[in-house]
């Protein structure tokens, strides 16, 4: 991503080491998947040992962090898209 003069610091911090839109989408997708994993499913399925084994998180603290972080990445992506902050792809030869 190319840093511009008008780019807010919150956008720069979200994607400072990501150079392409595809990389940002992968980051957002991974964050969304991990957010879903962070839902404390063992609280809903107390009698199911498989759920307790697969989903180790049993409180709301992780989802409370992951949901805002995923939203931050998403609004940062929208800002960069709107303001043309991505590097142009170089043609393959």
N, C-alpha and C. Protein backbone atom coordinates (compact mmCIF):
# COMPACT_ATOMS: atom_id res chain seq x y z
N UNK A 1 0.83 -1.16 0.00
CA UNK A 1 0.00 0.00 0.00
C UNK A 1 0.89 1.23 0.00
N UNK A 2 0.49 2.20 -0.74
CA UNK A 2 1.25 3.44 -0.82
C UNK A 2 0.72 4.44 0.20
N UNK A 3 1.58 4.93 1.06
CA UNK A 3 1.20 5.93 2.07
C UNK A 3 1.08 7.28 1.39
N UNK A 4 -0.06 7.94 1.59
CA UNK A 4 -0.28 9.26 1.04
C UNK A 4 -0.34 10.28 2.17
N UNK A 5 -0.30 11.54 1.80
CA UNK A 5 -0.34 12.62 2.79
C UNK A 5 -1.67 12.63 3.55
N UNK A 6 -2.76 12.35 2.86
CA UNK A 6 -4.07 12.45 3.49
C UNK A 6 -4.53 11.15 4.17
N UNK A 7 -3.71 10.11 4.13
CA UNK A 7 -4.09 8.83 4.73
C UNK A 7 -4.08 8.93 6.26
N UNK A 8 -5.20 8.59 6.90
CA UNK A 8 -5.24 8.59 8.37
C UNK A 8 -4.32 7.52 8.95
N UNK A 9 -3.85 7.77 10.15
CA UNK A 9 -2.92 6.84 10.79
C UNK A 9 -3.59 5.49 11.04
N UNK A 10 -4.89 5.46 11.31
CA UNK A 10 -5.57 4.19 11.58
C UNK A 10 -5.62 3.30 10.34
N UNK A 11 -5.65 3.91 9.16
CA UNK A 11 -5.62 3.13 7.92
C UNK A 11 -4.20 2.62 7.68
N UNK A 12 -3.23 3.48 7.88
CA UNK A 12 -1.83 3.08 7.67
C UNK A 12 -1.44 1.94 8.62
N UNK A 13 -1.87 2.04 9.87
CA UNK A 13 -1.53 0.98 10.83
C UNK A 13 -2.20 -0.35 10.49
N UNK A 14 -3.37 -0.30 9.90
CA UNK A 14 -4.06 -1.55 9.54
C UNK A 14 -3.31 -2.31 8.46
N UNK A 15 -2.80 -1.60 7.48
CA UNK A 15 -2.20 -2.27 6.31
C UNK A 15 -0.77 -1.83 6.03
N UNK A 16 -0.03 -1.47 7.05
CA UNK A 16 1.32 -0.95 6.82
C UNK A 16 2.26 -1.96 6.16
N UNK A 17 2.06 -3.25 6.41
CA UNK A 17 2.96 -4.24 5.82
C UNK A 17 2.29 -5.03 4.69
N UNK A 18 1.11 -4.61 4.27
CA UNK A 18 0.39 -5.29 3.20
C UNK A 18 0.43 -4.41 1.97
N UNK A 19 0.88 -4.98 0.87
CA UNK A 19 1.10 -4.17 -0.33
C UNK A 19 -0.03 -4.23 -1.34
N UNK A 20 -0.83 -5.29 -1.30
CA UNK A 20 -1.86 -5.44 -2.32
C UNK A 20 -3.25 -5.57 -1.70
N UNK A 21 -4.25 -5.32 -2.51
CA UNK A 21 -5.63 -5.47 -2.06
C UNK A 21 -5.93 -6.94 -1.77
N UNK A 22 -5.36 -7.83 -2.56
CA UNK A 22 -5.56 -9.26 -2.33
C UNK A 22 -5.03 -9.66 -0.95
N UNK A 23 -3.88 -9.14 -0.57
CA UNK A 23 -3.33 -9.42 0.76
C UNK A 23 -4.23 -8.89 1.86
N UNK A 24 -4.81 -7.72 1.64
CA UNK A 24 -5.74 -7.16 2.63
C UNK A 24 -7.00 -8.01 2.74
N UNK A 25 -7.50 -8.50 1.61
CA UNK A 25 -8.68 -9.37 1.64
C UNK A 25 -8.40 -10.68 2.35
N UNK A 26 -7.20 -11.23 2.17
CA UNK A 26 -6.81 -12.45 2.87
C UNK A 26 -6.76 -12.18 4.37
N UNK A 27 -6.21 -11.05 4.77
CA UNK A 27 -6.14 -10.69 6.18
C UNK A 27 -7.55 -10.54 6.77
N UNK A 28 -8.44 -9.88 6.06
CA UNK A 28 -9.81 -9.70 6.54
C UNK A 28 -10.53 -11.04 6.62
N UNK A 29 -10.35 -11.88 5.62
CA UNK A 29 -10.97 -13.20 5.65
C UNK A 29 -10.48 -14.05 6.81
N UNK A 30 -9.18 -14.03 7.04
CA UNK A 30 -8.62 -14.80 8.16
C UNK A 30 -9.12 -14.25 9.49
N UNK A 31 -9.22 -12.95 9.59
CA UNK A 31 -9.74 -12.34 10.82
C UNK A 31 -11.20 -12.71 11.04
N UNK A 32 -11.97 -12.71 9.97
CA UNK A 32 -13.39 -13.08 10.08
C UNK A 32 -13.54 -14.54 10.50
N UNK A 33 -12.75 -15.42 9.90
CA UNK A 33 -12.81 -16.84 10.28
C UNK A 33 -12.41 -17.05 11.74
N UNK A 34 -11.35 -16.38 12.15
CA UNK A 34 -10.92 -16.52 13.54
C UNK A 34 -11.96 -15.92 14.49
N UNK A 35 -12.63 -14.85 14.05
CA UNK A 35 -13.70 -14.28 14.86
C UNK A 35 -14.82 -15.29 15.07
N UNK A 36 -15.18 -16.01 14.01
CA UNK A 36 -16.21 -17.05 14.15
C UNK A 36 -15.75 -18.16 15.08
N UNK A 37 -14.48 -18.51 14.99
CA UNK A 37 -13.94 -19.54 15.88
C UNK A 37 -13.98 -19.09 17.34
N UNK A 38 -13.88 -17.79 17.56
CA UNK A 38 -13.82 -17.25 18.92
C UNK A 38 -15.16 -17.19 19.62
N UNK A 39 -16.24 -17.49 18.92
CA UNK A 39 -17.53 -17.57 19.59
C UNK A 39 -17.47 -18.75 20.56
N UNK A 40 -17.85 -18.55 21.80
CA UNK A 40 -17.71 -19.63 22.79
C UNK A 40 -18.79 -20.71 22.65
N UNK A 41 -18.63 -21.54 21.63
CA UNK A 41 -19.60 -22.60 21.36
C UNK A 41 -19.79 -23.58 22.53
N UNK A 42 -18.75 -23.88 23.32
CA UNK A 42 -18.98 -24.79 24.46
C UNK A 42 -20.04 -24.29 25.44
N UNK A 43 -20.28 -22.99 25.49
CA UNK A 43 -21.33 -22.48 26.37
C UNK A 43 -22.73 -22.85 25.86
N UNK A 44 -22.86 -23.02 24.55
CA UNK A 44 -24.15 -23.36 23.96
C UNK A 44 -24.38 -24.86 23.90
N UNK A 45 -23.32 -25.63 23.82
CA UNK A 45 -23.41 -27.09 23.71
C UNK A 45 -22.65 -27.73 24.87
N UNK A 46 -23.17 -27.58 26.05
CA UNK A 46 -22.46 -28.03 27.25
C UNK A 46 -22.30 -29.54 27.33
N UNK A 47 -23.19 -30.29 26.74
CA UNK A 47 -23.14 -31.75 26.84
C UNK A 47 -22.39 -32.42 25.69
N UNK A 48 -21.86 -31.63 24.77
CA UNK A 48 -21.21 -32.20 23.59
C UNK A 48 -19.69 -32.13 23.76
N UNK A 49 -19.08 -33.27 23.96
CA UNK A 49 -17.62 -33.32 24.18
C UNK A 49 -16.84 -32.96 22.92
N UNK A 50 -17.37 -33.28 21.74
CA UNK A 50 -16.68 -32.93 20.50
C UNK A 50 -16.56 -31.42 20.35
N UNK A 51 -17.62 -30.71 20.64
CA UNK A 51 -17.59 -29.25 20.57
C UNK A 51 -16.59 -28.70 21.57
N UNK A 52 -16.58 -29.25 22.77
CA UNK A 52 -15.63 -28.79 23.79
C UNK A 52 -14.19 -29.08 23.39
N UNK A 53 -13.97 -30.14 22.63
CA UNK A 53 -12.62 -30.48 22.18
C UNK A 53 -12.18 -29.59 21.02
N UNK A 54 -13.09 -29.33 20.07
CA UNK A 54 -12.74 -28.54 18.89
C UNK A 54 -12.65 -27.04 19.18
N UNK A 55 -13.55 -26.55 20.01
CA UNK A 55 -13.60 -25.12 20.31
C UNK A 55 -13.15 -24.91 21.74
N UNK A 56 -11.92 -24.48 21.90
CA UNK A 56 -11.31 -24.38 23.22
C UNK A 56 -11.69 -23.10 23.96
N UNK A 57 -12.20 -22.13 23.25
CA UNK A 57 -12.52 -20.84 23.87
C UNK A 57 -13.87 -20.95 24.57
N UNK A 58 -13.89 -20.63 25.86
CA UNK A 58 -15.13 -20.77 26.61
C UNK A 58 -15.57 -19.47 27.30
N UNK A 59 -15.09 -18.32 26.78
CA UNK A 59 -15.58 -17.04 27.26
C UNK A 59 -15.67 -16.06 26.09
N UNK A 60 -16.22 -14.89 26.34
CA UNK A 60 -16.50 -13.93 25.28
C UNK A 60 -15.35 -12.96 25.03
N UNK A 61 -14.23 -13.08 25.72
CA UNK A 61 -13.17 -12.07 25.61
C UNK A 61 -12.52 -12.02 24.22
N UNK A 62 -12.32 -13.17 23.60
CA UNK A 62 -11.66 -13.18 22.29
C UNK A 62 -12.54 -12.59 21.20
N UNK A 63 -13.82 -12.93 21.19
CA UNK A 63 -14.72 -12.37 20.18
C UNK A 63 -14.89 -10.88 20.41
N UNK A 64 -14.81 -10.45 21.66
CA UNK A 64 -14.91 -9.02 21.97
C UNK A 64 -13.73 -8.24 21.39
N UNK A 65 -12.60 -8.90 21.19
CA UNK A 65 -11.45 -8.26 20.54
C UNK A 65 -11.47 -8.44 19.03
N UNK A 66 -11.80 -9.63 18.58
CA UNK A 66 -11.69 -9.95 17.16
C UNK A 66 -12.74 -9.25 16.31
N UNK A 67 -13.94 -9.08 16.79
CA UNK A 67 -14.98 -8.42 16.00
C UNK A 67 -14.61 -6.97 15.68
N UNK A 68 -14.17 -6.15 16.64
CA UNK A 68 -13.77 -4.79 16.29
C UNK A 68 -12.53 -4.73 15.39
N UNK A 69 -11.60 -5.66 15.58
CA UNK A 69 -10.40 -5.67 14.74
C UNK A 69 -10.77 -5.99 13.29
N UNK A 70 -11.65 -6.96 13.10
CA UNK A 70 -12.10 -7.30 11.74
C UNK A 70 -12.83 -6.11 11.11
N UNK A 71 -13.66 -5.45 11.90
CA UNK A 71 -14.37 -4.26 11.41
C UNK A 71 -13.38 -3.16 11.04
N UNK A 72 -12.33 -2.96 11.84
CA UNK A 72 -11.30 -1.96 11.57
C UNK A 72 -10.60 -2.26 10.25
N UNK A 73 -10.24 -3.51 10.02
CA UNK A 73 -9.62 -3.88 8.75
C UNK A 73 -10.56 -3.61 7.58
N UNK A 74 -11.84 -3.93 7.77
CA UNK A 74 -12.81 -3.75 6.69
C UNK A 74 -13.00 -2.27 6.35
N UNK A 75 -13.15 -1.40 7.37
CA UNK A 75 -13.33 0.02 7.05
C UNK A 75 -12.04 0.63 6.51
N UNK A 76 -10.90 0.11 6.92
CA UNK A 76 -9.63 0.57 6.35
C UNK A 76 -9.54 0.18 4.88
N UNK A 77 -9.97 -1.03 4.54
CA UNK A 77 -10.00 -1.46 3.14
C UNK A 77 -10.89 -0.54 2.32
N UNK A 78 -12.06 -0.21 2.85
CA UNK A 78 -12.97 0.69 2.14
C UNK A 78 -12.34 2.06 1.93
N UNK A 79 -11.61 2.57 2.92
CA UNK A 79 -10.95 3.87 2.79
C UNK A 79 -9.89 3.82 1.69
N UNK A 80 -9.07 2.79 1.71
CA UNK A 80 -8.00 2.67 0.72
C UNK A 80 -8.59 2.50 -0.68
N UNK A 81 -9.65 1.70 -0.81
CA UNK A 81 -10.30 1.53 -2.11
C UNK A 81 -10.84 2.86 -2.63
N UNK A 82 -11.46 3.61 -1.76
CA UNK A 82 -12.06 4.89 -2.16
C UNK A 82 -11.01 5.92 -2.55
N UNK A 83 -9.85 5.85 -1.93
CA UNK A 83 -8.81 6.85 -2.15
C UNK A 83 -7.64 6.34 -2.99
N UNK A 84 -7.81 5.22 -3.67
CA UNK A 84 -6.80 4.67 -4.59
C UNK A 84 -5.42 4.55 -3.95
N UNK A 85 -5.35 3.83 -2.85
CA UNK A 85 -4.08 3.71 -2.15
C UNK A 85 -3.29 2.46 -2.47
N UNK A 86 -3.83 1.58 -3.30
CA UNK A 86 -3.11 0.34 -3.60
C UNK A 86 -2.11 0.55 -4.72
N UNK A 87 -1.02 -0.17 -4.63
CA UNK A 87 -0.03 -0.13 -5.70
C UNK A 87 -0.61 -0.74 -6.96
N UNK A 88 -0.25 -0.19 -8.08
CA UNK A 88 -0.69 -0.73 -9.36
C UNK A 88 0.06 -2.02 -9.64
N UNK A 89 -0.64 -3.02 -10.14
CA UNK A 89 -0.02 -4.30 -10.47
C UNK A 89 0.88 -4.12 -11.69
N UNK A 90 2.06 -4.71 -11.59
CA UNK A 90 2.97 -4.64 -12.71
C UNK A 90 2.64 -5.75 -13.68
N UNK A 91 2.64 -5.45 -14.97
CA UNK A 91 2.30 -6.47 -15.97
C UNK A 91 3.35 -7.60 -15.97
N UNK A 92 2.86 -8.82 -16.10
CA UNK A 92 3.76 -9.96 -16.18
C UNK A 92 4.33 -10.05 -17.58
N UNK A 93 5.60 -10.41 -17.66
CA UNK A 93 6.23 -10.52 -18.98
C UNK A 93 6.53 -11.95 -19.32
